[in-house]
Amino acid sequence: MADVLPDEAEILLAEESVMAHLATCSDGRPHVAPVWYHYDDGTVSILTGGRKLDNIRENPRVAVSIQKDTAGSAEWKVTMLGTATVVEDAEEALKAAERINPRYGADTDAYPENTLIRIDVGSGTFMRY
């Protein structure tokens, strides 16, 4: 995977437990929703369902925005554009849940109805405030 983000951004994405905002497209309009994520070497993994999943099945082009704030002061942000793939494999979804859910204080088996989405990041930006 080609480096699309600086090393510092990749470390922050892998270590920080902050919310991501996933932007999908619905009827030619943006749909943005908060999601939990796991980042590893140019790939964002999320577990989701509902409208976000339906939107990705129709149009796999997505954007992800992640920002770290402390006491109302922004510290850093990462924005990424990529292509999402729906992974219809229960074992892979469980492995993703083992990485994602505990990071946000949830049990591994929470939300078993969610489907794994992998986003291959094509471009991204990073900024410290």
Protein backbone atom coordinates (compact mmCIF):
# COMPACT_ATOMS: atom_id res chain seq x y z
CA MET A 1 0.00 0.00 0.00
CA ALA A 2 1.38 3.37 -0.98
CA ASP A 3 1.70 5.83 1.87
CA VAL A 4 -1.11 8.34 1.52
CA LEU A 5 -0.78 9.68 5.06
CA PRO A 6 2.28 10.69 7.05
CA ASP A 7 3.55 8.25 9.67
CA GLU A 8 2.36 10.51 12.50
CA ALA A 9 -1.21 10.37 11.21
CA GLU A 10 -1.10 6.59 10.83
CA ILE A 11 0.11 6.22 14.43
CA LEU A 12 -2.64 8.50 15.75
CA LEU A 13 -5.32 6.67 13.75
CA ALA A 14 -4.12 3.31 15.07
CA GLU A 15 -3.81 4.39 18.71
CA GLU A 16 -6.54 6.95 19.42
CA SER A 17 -10.10 5.88 20.20
CA VAL A 18 -12.03 8.72 18.63
CA MET A 19 -15.12 8.71 16.45
CA ALA A 20 -14.88 8.73 12.70
CA HIS A 21 -17.49 10.28 10.44
CA LEU A 22 -18.28 8.24 7.35
CA ALA A 23 -19.70 10.05 4.33
CA THR A 24 -21.61 8.01 1.77
CA CYS A 25 -23.86 9.07 -1.09
CA SER A 26 -27.64 8.62 -1.17
CA ASP A 27 -29.65 9.79 -4.17
CA GLY A 28 -26.85 12.16 -5.17
CA ARG A 29 -26.72 13.74 -1.70
CA PRO A 30 -24.18 13.20 1.09
CA HIS A 31 -25.07 11.11 4.11
CA VAL A 32 -22.69 11.45 7.07
CA ALA A 33 -22.79 9.29 10.19
CA PRO A 34 -20.47 8.65 13.14
CA VAL A 35 -18.82 5.22 13.22
CA TRP A 36 -16.25 3.26 15.19
CA TYR A 37 -13.24 2.25 13.14
CA HIS A 38 -9.93 0.41 12.97
CA TYR A 39 -7.08 1.75 10.84
CA ASP A 40 -4.21 -0.35 9.53
CA ASP A 41 -1.78 0.52 6.72
CA GLY A 42 -4.07 2.45 4.41
CA THR A 43 -7.26 0.54 5.22
CA VAL A 44 -10.14 1.66 7.40
CA SER A 45 -12.41 -1.09 8.73
CA ILE A 46 -15.87 -0.41 10.11
CA LEU A 47 -18.84 -2.55 11.10
CA THR A 48 -22.16 -1.07 10.06
CA GLY A 49 -25.62 -1.65 8.70
CA GLY A 50 -28.70 0.26 7.64
CA ARG A 51 -28.52 3.25 5.35
CA LYS A 52 -24.71 3.46 5.33
CA LEU A 53 -24.44 -0.14 4.15
CA ASP A 54 -27.16 0.34 1.53
CA ASN A 55 -25.43 3.48 0.26
CA ILE A 56 -22.06 1.71 -0.04
CA ARG A 57 -23.65 -1.16 -1.96
CA GLU A 58 -24.93 1.42 -4.48
CA ASN A 59 -21.84 3.63 -4.59
CA PRO A 60 -18.58 2.52 -2.95
CA ARG A 61 -16.92 5.95 -3.06
CA VAL A 62 -16.71 7.28 0.49
CA ALA A 63 -15.00 9.86 2.68
CA VAL A 64 -13.88 9.47 6.29
CA SER A 65 -13.16 12.32 8.68
CA ILE A 66 -11.56 11.87 12.09
CA GLN A 67 -10.74 14.63 14.56
CA LYS A 68 -9.27 14.58 18.07
CA ASP A 69 -10.54 17.25 20.48
CA THR A 70 -9.71 17.81 24.13
CA ALA A 71 -11.98 20.01 26.22
CA GLY A 72 -13.35 21.64 23.09
CA SER A 73 -9.96 22.37 21.54
CA ALA A 74 -9.11 20.61 18.30
CA GLU A 75 -5.73 18.83 18.33
CA TRP A 76 -5.53 17.09 14.94
CA LYS A 77 -7.62 15.91 12.00
CA VAL A 78 -7.39 13.37 9.23
CA THR A 79 -9.58 13.25 6.15
CA MET A 80 -9.54 10.37 3.69
CA LEU A 81 -11.16 9.51 0.39
CA GLY A 82 -11.46 5.89 -0.59
CA THR A 83 -13.34 2.97 -2.03
CA ALA A 84 -15.41 0.75 0.24
CA THR A 85 -15.84 -2.99 -0.12
CA VAL A 86 -18.61 -4.95 1.61
CA VAL A 87 -17.13 -8.09 3.20
CA GLU A 88 -19.83 -10.77 3.55
CA ASP A 89 -17.76 -13.09 5.75
CA ALA A 90 -18.88 -13.75 9.34
CA GLU A 91 -15.41 -14.85 10.46
CA GLU A 92 -13.80 -11.69 9.08
CA ALA A 93 -16.51 -9.58 10.71
CA LEU A 94 -15.81 -11.25 14.07
CA LYS A 95 -12.08 -10.55 13.71
CA ALA A 96 -12.90 -6.91 12.97
CA ALA A 97 -15.23 -6.75 15.99
CA GLU A 98 -12.37 -8.07 18.16
CA ARG A 99 -10.26 -5.10 17.02
CA ILE A 100 -12.94 -2.41 16.97
CA ASN A 101 -15.51 -2.97 19.72
CA PRO A 102 -13.24 -3.18 22.82
CA ARG A 103 -11.53 0.01 21.71
CA TYR A 104 -14.84 1.81 22.26
CA GLY A 105 -15.83 -0.05 25.44
CA ALA A 106 -18.18 -2.58 23.82
CA ASP A 107 -18.12 -6.35 24.04
CA THR A 108 -16.73 -8.16 21.01
CA ASP A 109 -20.10 -9.77 20.35
CA ALA A 110 -22.05 -6.50 20.51
CA TYR A 111 -23.93 -5.60 17.33
CA PRO A 112 -23.62 -8.98 15.56
CA GLU A 113 -26.01 -7.77 12.84
CA ASN A 114 -23.42 -5.33 11.48
CA THR A 115 -21.53 -6.02 8.27
CA LEU A 116 -17.81 -5.46 7.75
CA ILE A 117 -16.78 -2.68 5.40
CA ARG A 118 -13.17 -2.20 4.33
CA ILE A 119 -12.16 1.14 2.88
CA ASP A 120 -9.03 1.33 0.75
CA VAL A 121 -7.76 4.86 1.26
CA GLY A 122 -6.77 6.52 -1.99
CA SER A 123 -5.90 9.96 -0.69
CA GLY A 124 -5.82 11.75 2.61
CA THR A 125 -4.77 14.85 4.49
CA PHE A 126 -3.46 15.35 8.02
CA MET A 127 -3.19 18.49 10.10
CA ARG A 128 -2.26 19.37 13.67
CA TYR A 129 -3.95 22.48 15.01
